[in-house]
């Protein structure tokens, strides 16, 4: 594992410098993803509850043949024209593993759509018609329940980005729940009762890479947009996309900001959102790559992706750092005891 300490780390608040570092996540292997693009570190993907990767290339859905396997098979496709010619903006698996949410990545804001597809209906021999196709700006998304999805998206040309809540039951409805995010949308993820929303490209009070936190219950119940700038700032780093979370409740951040001085790229971030630990910077493919991040709950591994390769990091067991710290004084006590006995 290469642990980078780059100039970009200065983007973090210096107030966390006195805190203990997050224990190193151990690099345990890697596997290729089936398709990659020159536009992003990898085409949109997510992880199924059984631990396999599902990725979308243009309108095709590719499924990993086994956990951490290097082979994939065509699982199905969407009808021609359902997504942009360069592929979807995102693919997100519902918590119960029965549905896919797919952003169409259409560059015309007025005609953007989010598709909901039943996984059981995928057929490698024929396109699958989505069960729902709901108008919505779309860039990234996060399921909060099996029937509710939070979607980031906006109109880059007018500098207006929002978070939209899509509720599928009793019938599909959309509600803008956060507005005024900035010029470009970023990632979104929940950790416990908190939603974290990032700025993919910004200006003024919402610069690129800024992440703010919102109460999940409020966002899930509101029918009126909450101003982005009214929420607390957690951090500012990279391009705040994608955002993910691991089993320890750490926030995972990928992306990069080539317009920063110096440019911010070449690592992925593991960050304790409580601010009690210094962030961990991971650069498995070196300091020049642009990284995406994800989490495999089935294997309890962090995925750091660059150039079509998913690097697997084993996540420390909860409390492992405390055990290590406890062992140090205990060892010292045993050494002192031996010295006393020898006198």
C-alpha atoms as a PDB file:
ATOM      1  CA  UNK A   1       0.000   0.000   0.000  1.00  0.00           C
ATOM      2  CA  UNK A   2       1.272   3.458  -0.833  1.00  0.00           C
ATOM      3  CA  UNK A   3       0.191   6.021   1.722  1.00  0.00           C
ATOM      4  CA  UNK A   4       0.548   9.426   0.079  1.00  0.00           C
ATOM      5  CA  UNK A   5       1.229  12.654   1.923  1.00  0.00           C
ATOM      6  CA  UNK A   6       0.641  15.122  -0.879  1.00  0.00           C
ATOM      7  CA  UNK A   7       0.206  18.850  -1.058  1.00  0.00           C
ATOM      8  CA  UNK A   8      -3.518  18.237  -1.478  1.00  0.00           C
ATOM      9  CA  UNK A   9      -3.689  17.058   2.113  1.00  0.00           C
ATOM     10  CA  UNK A  10      -3.401  20.692   3.144  1.00  0.00           C
ATOM     11  CA  UNK A  11      -7.035  21.073   2.073  1.00  0.00           C
ATOM     12  CA  UNK A  12      -8.002  19.420   5.362  1.00  0.00           C
ATOM     13  CA  UNK A  13      -8.446  21.534   8.463  1.00  0.00           C
ATOM     14  CA  UNK A  14      -5.253  21.773  10.523  1.00  0.00           C
ATOM     15  CA  UNK A  15      -7.350  21.357  13.679  1.00  0.00           C
ATOM     16  CA  UNK A  16      -7.316  17.580  13.186  1.00  0.00           C
ATOM     17  CA  UNK A  17      -3.520  17.398  13.161  1.00  0.00           C
ATOM     18  CA  UNK A  18      -3.315  16.406  16.843  1.00  0.00           C
ATOM     19  CA  UNK A  19      -5.727  13.510  16.456  1.00  0.00           C
ATOM     20  CA  UNK A  20      -4.729   9.893  16.043  1.00  0.00           C
ATOM     21  CA  UNK A  21      -4.519   8.587  12.485  1.00  0.00           C
ATOM     22  CA  UNK A  22      -7.015   6.092  11.134  1.00  0.00           C
ATOM     23  CA  UNK A  23      -5.351   2.641  11.239  1.00  0.00           C
ATOM     24  CA  UNK A  24      -3.872   1.639   7.892  1.00  0.00           C
ATOM     25  CA  UNK A  25      -6.243  -0.303   5.672  1.00  0.00           C
ATOM     26  CA  UNK A  26      -4.387  -3.308   4.251  1.00  0.00           C
ATOM     27  CA  UNK A  27      -4.098  -3.781   0.489  1.00  0.00           C
ATOM     28  CA  UNK A  28      -5.063  -7.431  -0.056  1.00  0.00           C
ATOM     29  CA  UNK A  29      -5.566  -7.729  -3.811  1.00  0.00           C
ATOM     30  CA  UNK A  30      -7.142  -6.300  -6.929  1.00  0.00           C
ATOM     31  CA  UNK A  31      -9.329  -7.217  -9.883  1.00  0.00           C
ATOM     32  CA  UNK A  32     -10.177  -5.544 -13.194  1.00  0.00           C
ATOM     33  CA  UNK A  33     -13.498  -3.962 -13.963  1.00  0.00           C
ATOM     34  CA  UNK A  34     -14.963  -4.972 -17.310  1.00  0.00           C
ATOM     35  CA  UNK A  35     -15.141  -1.577 -18.922  1.00  0.00           C
ATOM     36  CA  UNK A  36     -13.542   1.825 -18.378  1.00  0.00           C
ATOM     37  CA  UNK A  37     -13.852   5.253 -19.966  1.00  0.00           C
ATOM     38  CA  UNK A  38     -11.484   8.110 -20.766  1.00  0.00           C
ATOM     39  CA  UNK A  39     -13.888  10.491 -19.009  1.00  0.00           C
ATOM     40  CA  UNK A  40     -13.856   8.932 -15.522  1.00  0.00           C
ATOM     41  CA  UNK A  41     -11.729   6.443 -13.512  1.00  0.00           C
ATOM     42  CA  UNK A  42     -14.261   3.752 -14.354  1.00  0.00           C
ATOM     43  CA  UNK A  43     -17.725   3.426 -15.804  1.00  0.00           C
ATOM     44  CA  UNK A  44     -20.496   3.594 -13.164  1.00  0.00           C
ATOM     45  CA  UNK A  45     -20.719   0.509 -10.952  1.00  0.00           C
ATOM     46  CA  UNK A  46     -22.122  -0.686  -7.652  1.00  0.00           C
ATOM     47  CA  UNK A  47     -21.890  -3.772  -5.445  1.00  0.00           C
ATOM     48  CA  UNK A  48     -24.708  -6.312  -5.079  1.00  0.00           C
ATOM     49  CA  UNK A  49     -25.576  -7.733  -1.622  1.00  0.00           C
ATOM     50  CA  UNK A  50     -23.790 -10.980  -2.611  1.00  0.00           C
ATOM     51  CA  UNK A  51     -20.514  -9.076  -3.103  1.00  0.00           C
ATOM     52  CA  UNK A  52     -20.388  -9.063  -6.910  1.00  0.00           C
ATOM     53  CA  UNK A  53     -19.811  -5.950  -9.000  1.00  0.00           C
ATOM     54  CA  UNK A  54     -22.445  -4.782 -11.472  1.00  0.00           C
ATOM     55  CA  UNK A  55     -21.241  -2.183 -13.939  1.00  0.00           C
ATOM     56  CA  UNK A  56     -22.868  -0.314 -16.788  1.00  0.00           C
ATOM     57  CA  UNK A  57     -21.069   0.453 -20.051  1.00  0.00           C
ATOM     58  CA  UNK A  58     -23.186   2.560 -22.409  1.00  0.00           C
ATOM     59  CA  UNK A  59     -26.559   0.754 -22.154  1.00  0.00           C
ATOM     60  CA  UNK A  60     -25.121  -2.673 -21.196  1.00  0.00           C
ATOM     61  CA  UNK A  61     -25.060  -4.165 -17.700  1.00  0.00           C
ATOM     62  CA  UNK A  62     -22.091  -6.413 -16.869  1.00  0.00           C
ATOM     63  CA  UNK A  63     -22.074  -8.740 -13.839  1.00  0.00           C
ATOM     64  CA  UNK A  64     -19.003 -10.153 -12.093  1.00  0.00           C
ATOM     65  CA  UNK A  65     -18.920 -13.959 -12.280  1.00  0.00           C
ATOM     66  CA  UNK A  66     -17.917 -14.304  -8.621  1.00  0.00           C
ATOM     67  CA  UNK A  67     -16.759 -12.255  -5.643  1.00  0.00           C
ATOM     68  CA  UNK A  68     -13.465 -10.520  -6.552  1.00  0.00           C
ATOM     69  CA  UNK A  69     -13.384 -12.412  -9.870  1.00  0.00           C
ATOM     70  CA  UNK A  70     -11.678 -11.078 -12.978  1.00  0.00           C
ATOM     71  CA  UNK A  71     -14.365 -12.263 -15.397  1.00  0.00           C
ATOM     72  CA  UNK A  72     -17.758 -10.757 -16.213  1.00  0.00           C
ATOM     73  CA  UNK A  73     -20.802 -11.664 -18.249  1.00  0.00           C
ATOM     74  CA  UNK A  74     -23.440  -9.562 -19.930  1.00  0.00           C
ATOM     75  CA  UNK A  75     -26.427  -9.496 -17.564  1.00  0.00           C
ATOM     76  CA  UNK A  76     -28.759  -7.336 -19.618  1.00  0.00           C
ATOM     77  CA  UNK A  77     -29.231  -3.953 -21.213  1.00  0.00           C
ATOM     78  CA  UNK A  78     -31.584  -0.994 -21.431  1.00  0.00           C
ATOM     79  CA  UNK A  79     -33.418  -0.038 -24.619  1.00  0.00           C
ATOM     80  CA  UNK A  80     -31.495   2.052 -27.132  1.00  0.00           C
ATOM     81  CA  UNK A  81     -31.541   5.731 -26.211  1.00  0.00           C
ATOM     82  CA  UNK A  82     -32.414   5.118 -22.547  1.00  0.00           C
ATOM     83  CA  UNK A  83     -29.068   6.600 -21.463  1.00  0.00           C
ATOM     84  CA  UNK A  84     -26.596   9.053 -22.955  1.00  0.00           C
ATOM     85  CA  UNK A  85     -24.285   7.815 -25.702  1.00  0.00           C
ATOM     86  CA  UNK A  86     -21.342   8.081 -23.254  1.00  0.00           C
ATOM     87  CA  UNK A  87     -23.179   5.990 -20.672  1.00  0.00           C
ATOM     88  CA  UNK A  88     -25.183   6.596 -17.505  1.00  0.00           C
ATOM     89  CA  UNK A  89     -24.319   9.059 -14.745  1.00  0.00           C
ATOM     90  CA  UNK A  90     -24.732   6.423 -12.041  1.00  0.00           C
ATOM     91  CA  UNK A  91     -25.983   2.940 -11.220  1.00  0.00           C
ATOM     92  CA  UNK A  92     -27.106   2.266  -7.640  1.00  0.00           C
ATOM     93  CA  UNK A  93     -28.366  -1.006  -6.155  1.00  0.00           C
ATOM     94  CA  UNK A  94     -31.234  -0.777  -3.642  1.00  0.00           C
ATOM     95  CA  UNK A  95     -30.439  -2.010  -0.100  1.00  0.00           C
ATOM     96  CA  UNK A  96     -32.424  -5.238  -0.632  1.00  0.00           C
ATOM     97  CA  UNK A  97     -30.712  -5.889  -3.969  1.00  0.00           C
ATOM     98  CA  UNK A  98     -33.911  -6.021  -6.025  1.00  0.00           C
ATOM     99  CA  UNK A  99     -33.692  -2.727  -7.916  1.00  0.00           C
ATOM    100  CA  UNK A 100     -31.251  -0.619  -9.879  1.00  0.00           C
ATOM    101  CA  UNK A 101     -31.483   3.143 -10.128  1.00  0.00           C
ATOM    102  CA  UNK A 102     -29.783   4.440 -13.275  1.00  0.00           C
ATOM    103  CA  UNK A 103     -29.250   8.077 -14.213  1.00  0.00           C
ATOM    104  CA  UNK A 104     -29.576   8.705 -17.937  1.00  0.00           C
ATOM    105  CA  UNK A 105     -26.754  11.331 -17.988  1.00  0.00           C
ATOM    106  CA  UNK A 106     -28.629  13.409 -20.525  1.00  0.00           C
ATOM    107  CA  UNK A 107     -26.978  16.828 -20.882  1.00  0.00           C
ATOM    108  CA  UNK A 108     -30.303  18.562 -21.530  1.00  0.00           C
ATOM    109  CA  UNK A 109     -31.617  19.325 -18.010  1.00  0.00           C
ATOM    110  CA  UNK A 110     -35.275  19.547 -19.026  1.00  0.00           C
ATOM    111  CA  UNK A 111     -35.268  15.973 -20.338  1.00  0.00           C
ATOM    112  CA  UNK A 112     -33.107  14.169 -17.760  1.00  0.00           C
ATOM    113  CA  UNK A 113     -34.552  10.903 -16.412  1.00  0.00           C
ATOM    114  CA  UNK A 114     -33.775   8.378 -13.677  1.00  0.00           C
ATOM    115  CA  UNK A 115     -34.670   4.781 -14.566  1.00  0.00           C
ATOM    116  CA  UNK A 116     -35.612   2.126 -12.012  1.00  0.00           C
ATOM    117  CA  UNK A 117     -34.978  -1.431 -13.196  1.00  0.00           C
ATOM    118  CA  UNK A 118     -35.966  -4.720 -11.543  1.00  0.00           C
ATOM    119  CA  UNK A 119     -32.842  -6.873 -11.351  1.00  0.00           C
ATOM    120  CA  UNK A 120     -34.864 -10.080 -11.675  1.00  0.00           C
ATOM    121  CA  UNK A 121     -36.055  -8.970 -15.125  1.00  0.00           C
ATOM    122  CA  UNK A 122     -32.591  -8.496 -16.643  1.00  0.00           C
ATOM    123  CA  UNK A 123     -32.084 -10.640 -19.733  1.00  0.00           C
ATOM    124  CA  UNK A 124     -28.762 -10.873 -21.594  1.00  0.00           C
ATOM    125  CA  UNK A 125     -30.652 -11.640 -24.808  1.00  0.00           C
ATOM    126  CA  UNK A 126     -32.988  -8.644 -24.855  1.00  0.00           C
ATOM    127  CA  UNK A 127     -33.245  -5.099 -23.449  1.00  0.00           C
ATOM    128  CA  UNK A 128     -35.214  -4.662 -20.218  1.00  0.00           C
ATOM    129  CA  UNK A 129     -37.825  -1.923 -20.026  1.00  0.00           C
ATOM    130  CA  UNK A 130     -37.483   0.033 -16.754  1.00  0.00           C
ATOM    131  CA  UNK A 131     -40.358  -0.308 -14.302  1.00  0.00           C
ATOM    132  CA  UNK A 132     -40.186   3.469 -13.766  1.00  0.00           C
ATOM    133  CA  UNK A 133     -38.595   6.306 -15.722  1.00  0.00           C
ATOM    134  CA  UNK A 134     -38.930   9.470 -13.645  1.00  0.00           C
ATOM    135  CA  UNK A 135     -37.897  12.978 -14.781  1.00  0.00           C
ATOM    136  CA  UNK A 136     -35.056  14.222 -12.570  1.00  0.00           C
ATOM    137  CA  UNK A 137     -31.726  15.979 -12.794  1.00  0.00           C
ATOM    138  CA  UNK A 138     -29.112  13.309 -12.170  1.00  0.00           C
ATOM    139  CA  UNK A 139     -25.414  12.999 -11.422  1.00  0.00           C
ATOM    140  CA  UNK A 140     -25.110  10.673  -8.408  1.00  0.00           C
ATOM    141  CA  UNK A 141     -27.570   8.967  -6.066  1.00  0.00           C
ATOM    142  CA  UNK A 142     -27.968   7.137  -2.778  1.00  0.00           C
ATOM    143  CA  UNK A 143     -30.796   4.861  -1.642  1.00  0.00           C
ATOM    144  CA  UNK A 144     -32.008   5.735   1.879  1.00  0.00           C
ATOM    145  CA  UNK A 145     -34.635   2.965   1.845  1.00  0.00           C
ATOM    146  CA  UNK A 146     -35.724   0.356  -0.713  1.00  0.00           C
ATOM    147  CA  UNK A 147     -38.243   2.828  -2.117  1.00  0.00           C
ATOM    148  CA  UNK A 148     -36.578   6.223  -1.626  1.00  0.00           C
ATOM    149  CA  UNK A 149     -33.606   7.639  -3.489  1.00  0.00           C
ATOM    150  CA  UNK A 150     -31.674  10.899  -3.036  1.00  0.00           C
ATOM    151  CA  UNK A 151     -30.276  12.223  -6.322  1.00  0.00           C
ATOM    152  CA  UNK A 152     -27.727  14.971  -6.916  1.00  0.00           C
ATOM    153  CA  UNK A 153     -27.924  16.837 -10.184  1.00  0.00           C
ATOM    154  CA  UNK A 154     -28.061  20.236 -11.757  1.00  0.00           C
ATOM    155  CA  UNK A 155     -27.649  22.503 -14.726  1.00  0.00           C
ATOM    156  CA  UNK A 156     -23.936  23.241 -14.957  1.00  0.00           C
ATOM    157  CA  UNK A 157     -24.467  26.018 -17.502  1.00  0.00           C
ATOM    158  CA  UNK A 158     -26.525  28.139 -15.112  1.00  0.00           C
ATOM    159  CA  UNK A 159     -24.679  27.073 -11.964  1.00  0.00           C
ATOM    160  CA  UNK A 160     -27.629  25.537 -10.167  1.00  0.00           C
ATOM    161  CA  UNK A 161     -27.387  22.127  -8.487  1.00  0.00           C
ATOM    162  CA  UNK A 162     -29.857  20.407  -6.182  1.00  0.00           C
ATOM    163  CA  UNK A 163     -30.665  17.182  -4.342  1.00  0.00           C
ATOM    164  CA  UNK A 164     -33.937  15.571  -5.372  1.00  0.00           C
ATOM    165  CA  UNK A 165     -35.760  12.912  -3.356  1.00  0.00           C
ATOM    166  CA  UNK A 166     -37.430  10.250  -5.474  1.00  0.00           C
ATOM    167  CA  UNK A 167     -40.135   8.322  -3.598  1.00  0.00           C
ATOM    168  CA  UNK A 168     -41.383   5.262  -5.489  1.00  0.00           C
ATOM    169  CA  UNK A 169     -44.316   4.428  -3.207  1.00  0.00           C
ATOM    170  CA  UNK A 170     -47.244   4.709  -3.389  1.00  0.00           C
ATOM    171  CA  UNK A 171     -46.444   6.198  -6.824  1.00  0.00           C
ATOM    172  CA  UNK A 172     -43.267   7.847  -8.115  1.00  0.00           C
ATOM    173  CA  UNK A 173     -42.913  11.455  -6.943  1.00  0.00           C
ATOM    174  CA  UNK A 174     -39.929  13.816  -6.881  1.00  0.00           C
ATOM    175  CA  UNK A 175     -39.209  16.617  -4.413  1.00  0.00           C
ATOM    176  CA  UNK A 176     -36.240  19.004  -4.374  1.00  0.00           C
ATOM    177  CA  UNK A 177     -34.917  18.767  -0.803  1.00  0.00           C
ATOM    178  CA  UNK A 178     -31.600  20.720  -1.017  1.00  0.00           C
ATOM    179  CA  UNK A 179     -30.798  23.615  -3.343  1.00  0.00           C
ATOM    180  CA  UNK A 180     -28.029  26.138  -3.960  1.00  0.00           C
ATOM    181  CA  UNK A 181     -25.269  23.509  -3.989  1.00  0.00           C
ATOM    182  CA  UNK A 182     -23.022  25.120  -6.602  1.00  0.00           C
ATOM    183  CA  UNK A 183     -22.134  24.936 -10.255  1.00  0.00           C
ATOM    184  CA  UNK A 184     -21.499  21.202 -10.413  1.00  0.00           C
ATOM    185  CA  UNK A 185     -23.005  18.269  -8.553  1.00  0.00           C
ATOM    186  CA  UNK A 186     -20.950  15.971  -6.346  1.00  0.00           C
ATOM    187  CA  UNK A 187     -21.406  12.763  -4.417  1.00  0.00           C
ATOM    188  CA  UNK A 188     -23.970  11.825  -1.788  1.00  0.00           C
ATOM    189  CA  UNK A 189     -24.036   9.177   0.938  1.00  0.00           C
ATOM    190  CA  UNK A 190     -25.531   8.570   4.366  1.00  0.00           C
ATOM    191  CA  UNK A 191     -23.730   7.458   7.519  1.00  0.00           C
ATOM    192  CA  UNK A 192     -26.116   6.647  10.335  1.00  0.00           C
ATOM    193  CA  UNK A 193     -28.579   9.520  10.689  1.00  0.00           C
ATOM    194  CA  UNK A 194     -26.553  11.971   8.579  1.00  0.00           C
ATOM    195  CA  UNK A 195     -26.515  12.682   4.854  1.00  0.00           C
ATOM    196  CA  UNK A 196     -23.307  14.031   3.312  1.00  0.00           C
ATOM    197  CA  UNK A 197     -23.489  16.036   0.078  1.00  0.00           C
ATOM    198  CA  UNK A 198     -20.500  17.196  -1.969  1.00  0.00           C
ATOM    199  CA  UNK A 199     -19.770  19.974  -4.475  1.00  0.00           C
ATOM    200  CA  UNK A 200     -18.259  18.576  -7.658  1.00  0.00           C
ATOM    201  CA  UNK A 201     -17.412  21.984  -9.104  1.00  0.00           C
ATOM    202  CA  UNK A 202     -18.067  25.186  -7.234  1.00  0.00           C
ATOM    203  CA  UNK A 203     -17.372  28.817  -6.536  1.00  0.00           C
ATOM    204  CA  UNK A 204     -17.731  31.377  -3.717  1.00  0.00           C
ATOM    205  CA  UNK A 205     -19.083  29.831  -0.525  1.00  0.00           C
ATOM    206  CA  UNK A 206     -19.426  26.437  -2.196  1.00  0.00           C
ATOM    207  CA  UNK A 207     -15.969  25.615  -3.596  1.00  0.00           C
ATOM    208  CA  UNK A 208     -15.079  22.378  -5.348  1.00  0.00           C
ATOM    209  CA  UNK A 209     -14.741  19.468  -2.929  1.00  0.00           C
ATOM    210  CA  UNK A 210     -16.768  20.980  -0.112  1.00  0.00           C
ATOM    211  CA  UNK A 211     -18.872  18.448   1.818  1.00  0.00           C
ATOM    212  CA  UNK A 212     -21.764  19.496   4.076  1.00  0.00           C
ATOM    213  CA  UNK A 213     -23.907  17.388   6.389  1.00  0.00           C
ATOM    214  CA  UNK A 214     -27.687  17.193   6.767  1.00  0.00           C
ATOM    215  CA  UNK A 215     -30.059  15.352   9.080  1.00  0.00           C
ATOM    216  CA  UNK A 216     -31.419  12.302   7.258  1.00  0.00           C
ATOM    217  CA  UNK A 217     -34.823  12.417   8.959  1.00  0.00           C
ATOM    218  CA  UNK A 218     -35.285  16.058   7.953  1.00  0.00           C
ATOM    219  CA  UNK A 219     -34.305  15.406   4.347  1.00  0.00           C
ATOM    220  CA  UNK A 220     -36.556  12.339   4.204  1.00  0.00           C
ATOM    221  CA  UNK A 221     -39.590  14.257   5.444  1.00  0.00           C
ATOM    222  CA  UNK A 222     -39.306  17.736   4.008  1.00  0.00           C
ATOM    223  CA  UNK A 223     -41.340  19.019   1.059  1.00  0.00           C
ATOM    224  CA  UNK A 224     -39.366  22.258   0.756  1.00  0.00           C
ATOM    225  CA  UNK A 225     -35.736  22.705  -0.289  1.00  0.00           C
ATOM    226  CA  UNK A 226     -33.135  23.379   2.407  1.00  0.00           C
ATOM    227  CA  UNK A 227     -30.360  25.815   1.391  1.00  0.00           C
ATOM    228  CA  UNK A 228     -27.063  24.000   1.008  1.00  0.00           C
ATOM    229  CA  UNK A 229     -25.138  26.776   2.747  1.00  0.00           C
ATOM    230  CA  UNK A 230     -27.309  26.458   5.863  1.00  0.00           C
ATOM    231  CA  UNK A 231     -25.693  23.120   6.712  1.00  0.00           C
ATOM    232  CA  UNK A 232     -22.420  22.471   8.545  1.00  0.00           C
ATOM    233  CA  UNK A 233     -19.201  22.104   6.542  1.00  0.00           C
ATOM    234  CA  UNK A 234     -17.395  18.823   7.149  1.00  0.00           C
ATOM    235  CA  UNK A 235     -14.392  19.137   4.836  1.00  0.00           C
ATOM    236  CA  UNK A 236     -13.142  20.332   1.479  1.00  0.00           C
ATOM    237  CA  UNK A 237     -11.048  17.945  -0.589  1.00  0.00           C
ATOM    238  CA  UNK A 238     -10.705  16.545  -4.112  1.00  0.00           C
ATOM    239  CA  UNK A 239     -14.031  16.894  -5.976  1.00  0.00           C
ATOM    240  CA  UNK A 240     -16.211  15.212  -3.339  1.00  0.00           C
ATOM    241  CA  UNK A 241     -17.218  12.590  -5.893  1.00  0.00           C
ATOM    242  CA  UNK A 242     -17.818   9.850  -5.416  1.00  0.00           C
ATOM    243  CA  UNK A 243     -18.690   9.647  -1.739  1.00  0.00           C
ATOM    244  CA  UNK A 244     -19.132   6.319   0.007  1.00  0.00           C
ATOM    245  CA  UNK A 245     -18.966   4.896   3.538  1.00  0.00           C
ATOM    246  CA  UNK A 246     -17.468   1.811   5.150  1.00  0.00           C
ATOM    247  CA  UNK A 247     -18.429  -0.458   8.046  1.00  0.00           C
ATOM    248  CA  UNK A 248     -16.567   1.694  10.590  1.00  0.00           C
ATOM    249  CA  UNK A 249     -18.638   4.745   9.656  1.00  0.00           C
ATOM    250  CA  UNK A 250     -15.744   6.421   7.847  1.00  0.00           C
ATOM    251  CA  UNK A 251     -16.425   8.656   4.866  1.00  0.00           C
ATOM    252  CA  UNK A 252     -14.743   7.621   1.608  1.00  0.00           C
ATOM    253  CA  UNK A 253     -13.943  10.382  -0.897  1.00  0.00           C
ATOM    254  CA  UNK A 254     -12.661  10.145  -4.467  1.00  0.00           C
ATOM    255  CA  UNK A 255     -12.192  12.367  -7.491  1.00  0.00           C
ATOM    256  CA  UNK A 256      -9.866  15.313  -8.078  1.00  0.00           C
ATOM    257  CA  UNK A 257      -9.690  19.035  -8.731  1.00  0.00           C
ATOM    258  CA  UNK A 258      -7.366  19.904 -11.606  1.00  0.00           C
ATOM    259  CA  UNK A 259      -8.194  23.627 -11.270  1.00  0.00           C
ATOM    260  CA  UNK A 260      -6.806  23.879  -7.738  1.00  0.00           C
ATOM    261  CA  UNK A 261      -3.315  25.238  -7.124  1.00  0.00           C
ATOM    262  CA  UNK A 262      -1.627  22.846  -6.761  1.00  0.00           C
ATOM    263  CA  UNK A 263      -4.024  20.378  -8.426  1.00  0.00           C
ATOM    264  CA  UNK A 264      -5.691  17.924  -6.030  1.00  0.00           C
ATOM    265  CA  UNK A 265      -5.556  14.364  -7.320  1.00  0.00           C
ATOM    266  CA  UNK A 266      -3.639  11.145  -6.952  1.00  0.00           C
ATOM    267  CA  UNK A 267      -5.251   9.684  -3.850  1.00  0.00           C
ATOM    268  CA  UNK A 268      -8.504   8.578  -2.289  1.00  0.00           C
ATOM    269  CA  UNK A 269      -9.463   9.655   1.227  1.00  0.00           C
ATOM    270  CA  UNK A 270     -10.704   7.705   4.257  1.00  0.00           C
ATOM    271  CA  UNK A 271     -12.041  10.245   6.738  1.00  0.00           C
ATOM    272  CA  UNK A 272     -13.643  10.015  10.170  1.00  0.00           C
ATOM    273  CA  UNK A 273     -16.645  12.388   9.910  1.00  0.00           C
ATOM    274  CA  UNK A 274     -16.510  13.058  13.663  1.00  0.00           C
ATOM    275  CA  UNK A 275     -13.099  14.661  13.187  1.00  0.00           C
ATOM    276  CA  UNK A 276     -11.472  12.487  15.836  1.00  0.00           C
ATOM    277  CA  UNK A 277      -8.877  10.982  13.465  1.00  0.00           C
ATOM    278  CA  UNK A 278      -6.521  12.253  10.805  1.00  0.00           C
ATOM    279  CA  UNK A 279      -7.560  11.209   7.289  1.00  0.00           C
ATOM    280  CA  UNK A 280      -5.919   8.284   5.533  1.00  0.00           C
ATOM    281  CA  UNK A 281      -4.770   8.896   1.940  1.00  0.00           C
ATOM    282  CA  UNK A 282      -4.538   5.884  -0.376  1.00  0.00           C
ATOM    283  CA  UNK A 283      -2.699   5.811  -3.722  1.00  0.00           C
ATOM    284  CA  UNK A 284      -2.475   2.178  -4.860  1.00  0.00           C
ATOM    285  CA  UNK A 285      -1.873   3.114  -8.516  1.00  0.00           C
ATOM    286  CA  UNK A 286       0.529   5.969  -7.798  1.00  0.00           C
ATOM    287  CA  UNK A 287       0.219   9.750  -7.352  1.00  0.00           C
ATOM    288  CA  UNK A 288      -0.917  10.609 -10.879  1.00  0.00           C
ATOM    289  CA  UNK A 289      -4.131   8.559 -11.045  1.00  0.00           C
ATOM    290  CA  UNK A 290      -7.683   9.785 -10.600  1.00  0.00           C
ATOM    291  CA  UNK A 291      -9.430   7.580  -8.053  1.00  0.00           C
ATOM    292  CA  UNK A 292     -12.974   6.404  -7.494  1.00  0.00           C
ATOM    293  CA  UNK A 293     -14.079   4.708  -4.262  1.00  0.00           C
ATOM    294  CA  UNK A 294     -16.658   2.161  -3.135  1.00  0.00           C
ATOM    295  CA  UNK A 295     -17.391  -0.292  -0.359  1.00  0.00           C
ATOM    296  CA  UNK A 296     -18.135  -4.017  -0.531  1.00  0.00           C
ATOM    297  CA  UNK A 297     -20.215  -4.868   2.550  1.00  0.00           C
ATOM    298  CA  UNK A 298     -20.127  -8.590   1.720  1.00  0.00           C
ATOM    299  CA  UNK A 299     -16.327  -8.785   1.958  1.00  0.00           C
ATOM    300  CA  UNK A 300     -15.951  -5.764   4.282  1.00  0.00           C
ATOM    301  CA  UNK A 301     -13.436  -4.235   1.890  1.00  0.00           C
ATOM    302  CA  UNK A 302     -12.805  -0.726   0.656  1.00  0.00           C
ATOM    303  CA  UNK A 303     -12.491  -0.506  -3.133  1.00  0.00           C
ATOM    304  CA  UNK A 304     -10.164   2.137  -4.567  1.00  0.00           C
ATOM    305  CA  UNK A 305     -10.452   2.255  -8.347  1.00  0.00           C
ATOM    306  CA  UNK A 306      -8.069   3.694 -10.936  1.00  0.00           C
ATOM    307  CA  UNK A 307      -7.703   3.011 -14.668  1.00  0.00           C
ATOM    308  CA  UNK A 308     -10.200   0.145 -14.610  1.00  0.00           C
ATOM    309  CA  UNK A 309      -8.567  -1.705 -11.688  1.00  0.00           C
ATOM    310  CA  UNK A 310     -10.300  -2.134  -8.319  1.00  0.00           C
ATOM    311  CA  UNK A 311      -7.776  -2.294  -5.475  1.00  0.00           C
ATOM    312  CA  UNK A 312      -9.108  -4.138  -2.418  1.00  0.00           C
ATOM    313  CA  UNK A 313      -8.348  -2.909   1.083  1.00  0.00           C
ATOM    314  CA  UNK A 314      -9.211  -4.952   4.169  1.00  0.00           C
ATOM    315  CA  UNK A 315     -10.849  -2.731   6.774  1.00  0.00           C
ATOM    316  CA  UNK A 316      -9.503  -2.943  10.348  1.00  0.00           C
ATOM    317  CA  UNK A 317     -11.787  -4.662  12.843  1.00  0.00           C
ATOM    318  CA  UNK A 318     -13.682  -2.222  15.105  1.00  0.00           C
ATOM    319  CA  UNK A 319     -11.629  -1.350  18.113  1.00  0.00           C
ATOM    320  CA  UNK A 320      -8.382  -2.693  16.653  1.00  0.00           C
ATOM    321  CA  UNK A 321      -6.619   0.607  17.218  1.00  0.00           C
ATOM    322  CA  UNK A 322      -7.722   0.627  20.862  1.00  0.00           C
ATOM    323  CA  UNK A 323      -6.349  -2.889  21.272  1.00  0.00           C
ATOM    324  CA  UNK A 324      -3.016  -1.800  19.796  1.00  0.00           C
ATOM    325  CA  UNK A 325      -2.818   1.253  22.048  1.00  0.00           C
ATOM    326  CA  UNK A 326      -3.734  -0.836  25.114  1.00  0.00           C
ATOM    327  CA  UNK A 327      -1.083  -3.414  24.253  1.00  0.00           C
ATOM    328  CA  UNK A 328       1.725  -0.833  24.330  1.00  0.00           C
ATOM    329  CA  UNK A 329       1.446   0.123  28.051  1.00  0.00           C
ATOM    330  CA  UNK A 330       0.698  -3.510  28.922  1.00  0.00           C
ATOM    331  CA  UNK A 331       3.940  -4.578  27.268  1.00  0.00           C
ATOM    332  CA  UNK A 332       5.815  -1.872  29.138  1.00  0.00           C
ATOM    333  CA  UNK A 333       4.318  -3.066  32.435  1.00  0.00           C
ATOM    334  CA  UNK A 334       5.465  -6.623  31.733  1.00  0.00           C
ATOM    335  CA  UNK A 335       8.981  -5.385  30.942  1.00  0.00           C
ATOM    336  CA  UNK A 336       9.122  -3.388  34.186  1.00  0.00           C
ATOM    337  CA  UNK A 337       7.912  -6.445  36.111  1.00  0.00           C
ATOM    338  CA  UNK A 338      10.687  -8.583  34.643  1.00  0.00           C
ATOM    339  CA  UNK A 339      13.301  -5.988  35.595  1.00  0.00           C
ATOM    340  CA  UNK A 340      11.980  -5.923  39.206  1.00  0.00           C
ATOM    341  CA  UNK A 341      12.097  -9.707  39.460  1.00  0.00           C
ATOM    342  CA  UNK A 342      15.688  -9.785  38.230  1.00  0.00           C
ATOM    343  CA  UNK A 343      16.911  -7.422  40.957  1.00  0.00           C
END
